[in-house]
Amino acid sequence: MIVTEQRIATRQALIDWRGNRYSVPPELAAARVVVQQRLGGDVIDIATVSGGFVARHRVGEPGLGVTIRDAGHVTALEAI
């Protein structure tokens, strides 16, 4: 079973998922995205609402409040 939910990215290009934050490309700041996680899985996939894949992250322990960023997302955000 796959859990699928929509989220709105913050202005810092992060989405909240199960008590942690995960990066998306900076062009998706304040945009709606779709997050998917297979039950019991250790990764999440993030896509645009039109279905374009944008990120995959290994999930942190739920509720820890950690921020997990992709190095490419950080570089792109700093360039803006």
PDB file of N, CA and C in Angstrom:
ATOM      1  N   MET A   1       0.839  -1.183   0.000  1.00  0.00           N
ATOM      2  CA  MET A   1       0.000   0.000   0.000  1.00  0.00           C
ATOM      3  C   MET A   1       0.881   1.242   0.000  1.00  0.00           C
ATOM      4  N   ILE A   2       0.485   2.237  -0.764  1.00  0.00           N
ATOM      5  CA  ILE A   2       1.224   3.491  -0.856  1.00  0.00           C
ATOM      6  C   ILE A   2       0.360   4.623  -0.297  1.00  0.00           C
ATOM      7  N   VAL A   3       0.941   5.380   0.632  1.00  0.00           N
ATOM      8  CA  VAL A   3       0.272   6.551   1.200  1.00  0.00           C
ATOM      9  C   VAL A   3       0.608   7.734   0.299  1.00  0.00           C
ATOM     10  N   THR A   4      -0.417   8.440  -0.150  1.00  0.00           N
ATOM     11  CA  THR A   4      -0.236   9.602  -1.021  1.00  0.00           C
ATOM     12  C   THR A   4      -0.972  10.789  -0.426  1.00  0.00           C
ATOM     13  N   GLU A   5      -0.252  11.905  -0.259  1.00  0.00           N
ATOM     14  CA  GLU A   5      -0.856  13.113   0.295  1.00  0.00           C
ATOM     15  C   GLU A   5      -0.281  14.339  -0.400  1.00  0.00           C
ATOM     16  N   GLN A   6      -1.072  15.398  -0.462  1.00  0.00           N
ATOM     17  CA  GLN A   6      -0.587  16.661  -1.006  1.00  0.00           C
ATOM     18  C   GLN A   6      -0.052  17.533   0.115  1.00  0.00           C
ATOM     19  N   ARG A   7       0.947  18.321  -0.222  1.00  0.00           N
ATOM     20  CA  ARG A   7       1.532  19.283   0.700  1.00  0.00           C
ATOM     21  C   ARG A   7       1.797  20.575  -0.065  1.00  0.00           C
ATOM     22  N   ILE A   8       1.914  21.682   0.657  1.00  0.00           N
ATOM     23  CA  ILE A   8       2.328  22.939   0.059  1.00  0.00           C
ATOM     24  C   ILE A   8       3.731  23.240   0.577  1.00  0.00           C
ATOM     25  N   ALA A   9       4.656  23.436  -0.345  1.00  0.00           N
ATOM     26  CA  ALA A   9       6.039  23.721   0.036  1.00  0.00           C
ATOM     27  C   ALA A   9       6.117  25.104   0.681  1.00  0.00           C
ATOM     28  N   THR A  10       7.029  25.248   1.608  1.00  0.00           N
ATOM     29  CA  THR A  10       7.258  26.548   2.245  1.00  0.00           C
ATOM     30  C   THR A  10       8.032  27.453   1.287  1.00  0.00           C
ATOM     31  N   ARG A  11       8.194  28.705   1.679  1.00  0.00           N
ATOM     32  CA  ARG A  11       8.987  29.642   0.870  1.00  0.00           C
ATOM     33  C   ARG A  11      10.468  29.238   0.863  1.00  0.00           C
ATOM     34  N   GLN A  12      10.868  28.410   1.817  1.00  0.00           N
ATOM     35  CA  GLN A  12      12.243  27.910   1.866  1.00  0.00           C
ATOM     36  C   GLN A  12      12.381  26.585   1.096  1.00  0.00           C
ATOM     37  N   ALA A  13      11.339  26.234   0.334  1.00  0.00           N
ATOM     38  CA  ALA A  13      11.334  25.029  -0.506  1.00  0.00           C
ATOM     39  C   ALA A  13      11.451  23.741   0.318  1.00  0.00           C
ATOM     40  N   LEU A  14      10.651  23.669   1.383  1.00  0.00           N
ATOM     41  CA  LEU A  14      10.584  22.475   2.224  1.00  0.00           C
ATOM     42  C   LEU A  14       9.135  22.020   2.334  1.00  0.00           C
ATOM     43  N   ILE A  15       8.946  20.717   2.504  1.00  0.00           N
ATOM     44  CA  ILE A  15       7.608  20.197   2.787  1.00  0.00           C
ATOM     45  C   ILE A  15       7.656  19.448   4.115  1.00  0.00           C
ATOM     46  N   ASP A  16       6.550  19.456   4.820  1.00  0.00           N
ATOM     47  CA  ASP A  16       6.432  18.713   6.079  1.00  0.00           C
ATOM     48  C   ASP A  16       5.903  17.322   5.776  1.00  0.00           C
ATOM     49  N   TRP A  17       6.523  16.312   6.409  1.00  0.00           N
ATOM     50  CA  TRP A  17       6.065  14.940   6.253  1.00  0.00           C
ATOM     51  C   TRP A  17       6.381  14.180   7.530  1.00  0.00           C
ATOM     52  N   ARG A  18       5.338  13.763   8.214  1.00  0.00           N
ATOM     53  CA  ARG A  18       5.463  12.927   9.413  1.00  0.00           C
ATOM     54  C   ARG A  18       6.415  13.511  10.462  1.00  0.00           C
ATOM     55  N   GLY A  19       6.308  14.831  10.665  1.00  0.00           N
ATOM     56  CA  GLY A  19       7.083  15.472  11.723  1.00  0.00           C
ATOM     57  C   GLY A  19       8.494  15.867  11.339  1.00  0.00           C
ATOM     58  N   ASN A  20       8.841  15.785  10.054  1.00  0.00           N
ATOM     59  CA  ASN A  20      10.147  16.199   9.555  1.00  0.00           C
ATOM     60  C   ASN A  20       9.937  17.071   8.321  1.00  0.00           C
ATOM     61  N   ARG A  21      11.015  17.692   7.841  1.00  0.00           N
ATOM     62  CA  ARG A  21      10.925  18.552   6.660  1.00  0.00           C
ATOM     63  C   ARG A  21      11.895  18.051   5.599  1.00  0.00           C
ATOM     64  N   TYR A  22      11.457  18.123   4.344  1.00  0.00           N
ATOM     65  CA  TYR A  22      12.229  17.611   3.215  1.00  0.00           C
ATOM     66  C   TYR A  22      12.258  18.650   2.108  1.00  0.00           C
ATOM     67  N   SER A  23      13.399  18.750   1.424  1.00  0.00           N
ATOM     68  CA  SER A  23      13.553  19.784   0.406  1.00  0.00           C
ATOM     69  C   SER A  23      12.924  19.398  -0.929  1.00  0.00           C
ATOM     70  N   VAL A  24      12.541  20.441  -1.648  1.00  0.00           N
ATOM     71  CA  VAL A  24      12.103  20.348  -3.040  1.00  0.00           C
ATOM     72  C   VAL A  24      12.893  21.404  -3.803  1.00  0.00           C
ATOM     73  N   PRO A  25      12.930  21.335  -5.128  1.00  0.00           N
ATOM     74  CA  PRO A  25      13.627  22.390  -5.878  1.00  0.00           C
ATOM     75  C   PRO A  25      13.036  23.762  -5.557  1.00  0.00           C
ATOM     76  N   PRO A  26      13.876  24.805  -5.523  1.00  0.00           N
ATOM     77  CA  PRO A  26      13.400  26.133  -5.119  1.00  0.00           C
ATOM     78  C   PRO A  26      12.290  26.695  -5.993  1.00  0.00           C
ATOM     79  N   GLU A  27      12.199  26.266  -7.240  1.00  0.00           N
ATOM     80  CA  GLU A  27      11.116  26.765  -8.088  1.00  0.00           C
ATOM     81  C   GLU A  27       9.748  26.268  -7.628  1.00  0.00           C
ATOM     82  N   LEU A  28       9.730  25.313  -6.708  1.00  0.00           N
ATOM     83  CA  LEU A  28       8.464  24.809  -6.166  1.00  0.00           C
ATOM     84  C   LEU A  28       8.109  25.424  -4.813  1.00  0.00           C
ATOM     85  N   ALA A  29       8.872  26.420  -4.380  1.00  0.00           N
ATOM     86  CA  ALA A  29       8.532  27.113  -3.133  1.00  0.00           C
ATOM     87  C   ALA A  29       7.115  27.660  -3.253  1.00  0.00           C
ATOM     88  N   ALA A  30       6.306  27.415  -2.249  1.00  0.00           N
ATOM     89  CA  ALA A  30       4.899  27.834  -2.164  1.00  0.00           C
ATOM     90  C   ALA A  30       3.978  27.101  -3.132  1.00  0.00           C
ATOM     91  N   ALA A  31       4.468  26.048  -3.773  1.00  0.00           N
ATOM     92  CA  ALA A  31       3.640  25.264  -4.699  1.00  0.00           C
ATOM     93  C   ALA A  31       3.098  24.010  -4.012  1.00  0.00           C
ATOM     94  N   ARG A  32       2.029  23.493  -4.565  1.00  0.00           N
ATOM     95  CA  ARG A  32       1.446  22.241  -4.081  1.00  0.00           C
ATOM     96  C   ARG A  32       2.192  21.071  -4.729  1.00  0.00           C
ATOM     97  N   VAL A  33       2.565  20.078  -3.923  1.00  0.00           N
ATOM     98  CA  VAL A  33       3.233  18.879  -4.415  1.00  0.00           C
ATOM     99  C   VAL A  33       2.532  17.646  -3.864  1.00  0.00           C
ATOM    100  N   VAL A  34       2.873  16.500  -4.417  1.00  0.00           N
ATOM    101  CA  VAL A  34       2.310  15.229  -3.979  1.00  0.00           C
ATOM    102  C   VAL A  34       3.439  14.389  -3.385  1.00  0.00           C
ATOM    103  N   VAL A  35       3.224  13.874  -2.191  1.00  0.00           N
ATOM    104  CA  VAL A  35       4.210  13.037  -1.501  1.00  0.00           C
ATOM    105  C   VAL A  35       3.676  11.612  -1.436  1.00  0.00           C
ATOM    106  N   GLN A  36       4.547  10.654  -1.746  1.00  0.00           N
ATOM    107  CA  GLN A  36       4.160   9.242  -1.676  1.00  0.00           C
ATOM    108  C   GLN A  36       5.181   8.473  -0.857  1.00  0.00           C
ATOM    109  N   GLN A  37       4.668   7.560  -0.038  1.00  0.00           N
ATOM    110  CA  GLN A  37       5.533   6.664   0.728  1.00  0.00           C
ATOM    111  C   GLN A  37       4.860   5.306   0.828  1.00  0.00           C
ATOM    112  N   ARG A  38       5.608   4.282   0.473  1.00  0.00           N
ATOM    113  CA  ARG A  38       5.113   2.919   0.632  1.00  0.00           C
ATOM    114  C   ARG A  38       5.070   2.617   2.124  1.00  0.00           C
ATOM    115  N   LEU A  39       3.972   2.047   2.609  1.00  0.00           N
ATOM    116  CA  LEU A  39       3.865   1.709   4.032  1.00  0.00           C
ATOM    117  C   LEU A  39       5.050   0.845   4.441  1.00  0.00           C
ATOM    118  N   GLY A  40       5.735   1.274   5.488  1.00  0.00           N
ATOM    119  CA  GLY A  40       6.908   0.567   5.965  1.00  0.00           C
ATOM    120  C   GLY A  40       8.170   0.901   5.194  1.00  0.00           C
ATOM    121  N   GLY A  41       8.051   1.724   4.135  1.00  0.00           N
ATOM    122  CA  GLY A  41       9.207   2.083   3.316  1.00  0.00           C
ATOM    123  C   GLY A  41      10.068   3.134   3.980  1.00  0.00           C
ATOM    124  N   ASP A  42      11.310   3.234   3.498  1.00  0.00           N
ATOM    125  CA  ASP A  42      12.236   4.193   4.104  1.00  0.00           C
ATOM    126  C   ASP A  42      12.558   5.370   3.187  1.00  0.00           C
ATOM    127  N   VAL A  43      11.779   5.541   2.100  1.00  0.00           N
ATOM    128  CA  VAL A  43      11.960   6.696   1.223  1.00  0.00           C
ATOM    129  C   VAL A  43      10.606   7.327   0.913  1.00  0.00           C
ATOM    130  N   ILE A  44      10.657   8.630   0.579  1.00  0.00           N
ATOM    131  CA  ILE A  44       9.476   9.306   0.060  1.00  0.00           C
ATOM    132  C   ILE A  44       9.815   9.822  -1.328  1.00  0.00           C
ATOM    133  N   ASP A  45       8.815   9.835  -2.176  1.00  0.00           N
ATOM    134  CA  ASP A  45       8.929  10.434  -3.495  1.00  0.00           C
ATOM    135  C   ASP A  45       8.048  11.668  -3.519  1.00  0.00           C
ATOM    136  N   ILE A  46       8.558  12.734  -4.108  1.00  0.00           N
ATOM    137  CA  ILE A  46       7.820  13.987  -4.203  1.00  0.00           C
ATOM    138  C   ILE A  46       7.675  14.324  -5.679  1.00  0.00           C
ATOM    139  N   ALA A  47       6.453  14.688  -6.068  1.00  0.00           N
ATOM    140  CA  ALA A  47       6.168  15.030  -7.461  1.00  0.00           C
ATOM    141  C   ALA A  47       5.315  16.286  -7.518  1.00  0.00           C
ATOM    142  N   THR A  48       5.294  16.900  -8.690  1.00  0.00           N
ATOM    143  CA  THR A  48       4.377  18.017  -8.905  1.00  0.00           C
ATOM    144  C   THR A  48       2.967  17.438  -8.979  1.00  0.00           C
ATOM    145  N   VAL A  49       1.962  18.282  -8.857  1.00  0.00           N
ATOM    146  CA  VAL A  49       0.586  17.792  -8.941  1.00  0.00           C
ATOM    147  C   VAL A  49       0.273  17.245 -10.331  1.00  0.00           C
ATOM    148  N   SER A  50       1.036  17.669 -11.342  1.00  0.00           N
ATOM    149  CA  SER A  50       0.838  17.132 -12.691  1.00  0.00           C
ATOM    150  C   SER A  50       1.589  15.826 -12.903  1.00  0.00           C
ATOM    151  N   GLY A  51       2.340  15.376 -11.883  1.00  0.00           N
ATOM    152  CA  GLY A  51       2.987  14.067 -11.941  1.00  0.00           C
ATOM    153  C   GLY A  51       4.465  14.065 -12.237  1.00  0.00           C
ATOM    154  N   GLY A  52       5.074  15.234 -12.377  1.00  0.00           N
ATOM    155  CA  GLY A  52       6.510  15.287 -12.637  1.00  0.00           C
ATOM    156  C   GLY A  52       7.317  14.994 -11.379  1.00  0.00           C
ATOM    157  N   PHE A  53       8.189  13.991 -11.443  1.00  0.00           N
ATOM    158  CA  PHE A  53       9.021  13.610 -10.301  1.00  0.00           C
ATOM    159  C   PHE A  53      10.012  14.722  -9.998  1.00  0.00           C
ATOM    160  N   VAL A  54      10.149  15.105  -8.700  1.00  0.00           N
ATOM    161  CA  VAL A  54      11.077  16.178  -8.338  1.00  0.00           C
ATOM    162  C   VAL A  54      12.094  15.791  -7.271  1.00  0.00           C
ATOM    163  N   ALA A  55      11.796  14.808  -6.432  1.00  0.00           N
ATOM    164  CA  ALA A  55      12.741  14.462  -5.369  1.00  0.00           C
ATOM    165  C   ALA A  55      12.442  13.100  -4.770  1.00  0.00           C
ATOM    166  N   ARG A  56      13.503  12.486  -4.258  1.00  0.00           N
ATOM    167  CA  ARG A  56      13.387  11.262  -3.450  1.00  0.00           C
ATOM    168  C   ARG A  56      14.299  11.462  -2.246  1.00  0.00           C
ATOM    169  N   HIS A  57      13.745  11.222  -1.070  1.00  0.00           N
ATOM    170  CA  HIS A  57      14.514  11.368   0.173  1.00  0.00           C
ATOM    171  C   HIS A  57      14.357  10.119   1.037  1.00  0.00           C
ATOM    172  N   ARG A  58      15.422   9.767   1.709  1.00  0.00           N
ATOM    173  CA  ARG A  58      15.335   8.747   2.759  1.00  0.00           C
ATOM    174  C   ARG A  58      14.650   9.417   3.937  1.00  0.00           C
ATOM    175  N   VAL A  59      13.674   8.769   4.536  1.00  0.00           N
ATOM    176  CA  VAL A  59      12.900   9.405   5.601  1.00  0.00           C
ATOM    177  C   VAL A  59      13.637   9.336   6.934  1.00  0.00           C
ATOM    178  N   GLY A  60      13.463  10.401   7.709  1.00  0.00           N
ATOM    179  CA  GLY A  60      13.976  10.420   9.069  1.00  0.00           C
ATOM    180  C   GLY A  60      12.968   9.755   9.993  1.00  0.00           C
ATOM    181  N   GLU A  61      13.377   9.452  11.177  1.00  0.00           N
ATOM    182  CA  GLU A  61      12.473   8.884  12.181  1.00  0.00           C
ATOM    183  C   GLU A  61      11.305   9.851  12.368  1.00  0.00           C
ATOM    184  N   PRO A  62      10.067   9.391  12.238  1.00  0.00           N
ATOM    185  CA  PRO A  62       8.913  10.294  12.349  1.00  0.00           C
ATOM    186  C   PRO A  62       8.933  11.097  13.656  1.00  0.00           C
ATOM    187  N   GLY A  63       8.629  12.392  13.513  1.00  0.00           N
ATOM    188  CA  GLY A  63       8.469  13.252  14.677  1.00  0.00           C
ATOM    189  C   GLY A  63       9.736  13.838  15.256  1.00  0.00           C
ATOM    190  N   LEU A  64      10.894  13.585  14.672  1.00  0.00           N
ATOM    191  CA  LEU A  64      12.135  14.116  15.238  1.00  0.00           C
ATOM    192  C   LEU A  64      12.354  15.587  14.929  1.00  0.00           C
ATOM    193  N   GLY A  65      11.658  16.105  13.933  1.00  0.00           N
ATOM    194  CA  GLY A  65      11.832  17.507  13.576  1.00  0.00           C
ATOM    195  C   GLY A  65      13.089  17.786  12.770  1.00  0.00           C
ATOM    196  N   VAL A  66      13.636  16.761  12.123  1.00  0.00           N
ATOM    197  CA  VAL A  66      14.842  16.956  11.324  1.00  0.00           C
ATOM    198  C   VAL A  66      14.490  17.551   9.965  1.00  0.00           C
ATOM    199  N   THR A  67      15.465  18.230   9.370  1.00  0.00           N
ATOM    200  CA  THR A  67      15.330  18.758   8.021  1.00  0.00           C
ATOM    201  C   THR A  67      16.311  18.008   7.137  1.00  0.00           C
ATOM    202  N   ILE A  68      15.794  17.424   6.080  1.00  0.00           N
ATOM    203  CA  ILE A  68      16.615  16.643   5.161  1.00  0.00           C
ATOM    204  C   ILE A  68      16.589  17.347   3.811  1.00  0.00           C
ATOM    205  N   ARG A  69      17.766  17.740   3.353  1.00  0.00           N
ATOM    206  CA  ARG A  69      17.882  18.505   2.112  1.00  0.00           C
ATOM    207  C   ARG A  69      18.740  17.759   1.097  1.00  0.00           C
ATOM    208  N   ASP A  70      18.354  17.880  -0.154  1.00  0.00           N
ATOM    209  CA  ASP A  70      19.145  17.379  -1.269  1.00  0.00           C
ATOM    210  C   ASP A  70      20.206  18.440  -1.577  1.00  0.00           C
ATOM    211  N   ALA A  71      21.450  18.031  -1.793  1.00  0.00           N
ATOM    212  CA  ALA A  71      22.530  18.989  -2.053  1.00  0.00           C
ATOM    213  C   ALA A  71      22.231  19.863  -3.271  1.00  0.00           C
ATOM    214  N   GLY A  72      21.616  19.301  -4.296  1.00  0.00           N
ATOM    215  CA  GLY A  72      21.260  20.073  -5.480  1.00  0.00           C
ATOM    216  C   GLY A  72      20.228  21.136  -5.183  1.00  0.00           C
ATOM    217  N   HIS A  73      19.290  20.828  -4.300  1.00  0.00           N
ATOM    218  CA  HIS A  73      18.274  21.803  -3.916  1.00  0.00           C
ATOM    219  C   HIS A  73      18.915  22.956  -3.141  1.00  0.00           C
ATOM    220  N   VAL A  74      19.863  22.630  -2.267  1.00  0.00           N
ATOM    221  CA  VAL A  74      20.549  23.662  -1.473  1.00  0.00           C
ATOM    222  C   VAL A  74      21.330  24.606  -2.394  1.00  0.00           C
ATOM    223  N   THR A  75      22.066  24.033  -3.339  1.00  0.00           N
ATOM    224  CA  THR A  75      22.857  24.837  -4.273  1.00  0.00           C
ATOM    225  C   THR A  75      21.960  25.757  -5.089  1.00  0.00           C
ATOM    226  N   ALA A  76      20.852  25.216  -5.598  1.00  0.00           N
ATOM    227  CA  ALA A  76      19.918  26.023  -6.392  1.00  0.00           C
ATOM    228  C   ALA A  76      19.273  27.119  -5.555  1.00  0.00           C
ATOM    229  N   LEU A  77      18.944  26.816  -4.301  1.00  0.00           N
ATOM    230  CA  LEU A  77      18.323  27.808  -3.424  1.00  0.00           C
ATOM    231  C   LEU A  77      19.314  28.938  -3.104  1.00  0.00           C
ATOM    232  N   GLU A  78      20.574  28.580  -2.878  1.00  0.00           N
ATOM    233  CA  GLU A  78      21.590  29.595  -2.579  1.00  0.00           C
ATOM    234  C   GLU A  78      21.871  30.484  -3.785  1.00  0.00           C
ATOM    235  N   ALA A  79      21.670  29.966  -4.983  1.00  0.00           N
ATOM    236  CA  ALA A  79      21.922  30.734  -6.195  1.00  0.00           C
ATOM    237  C   ALA A  79      20.859  31.785  -6.474  1.00  0.00           C
ATOM    238  N   ILE A  80      19.720  31.634  -5.847  1.00  0.00           N
ATOM    239  CA  ILE A  80      18.604  32.569  -6.090  1.00  0.00           C
ATOM    240  C   ILE A  80      18.810  33.869  -5.333  1.00  0.00           C
TER     241      ILE A  80
END
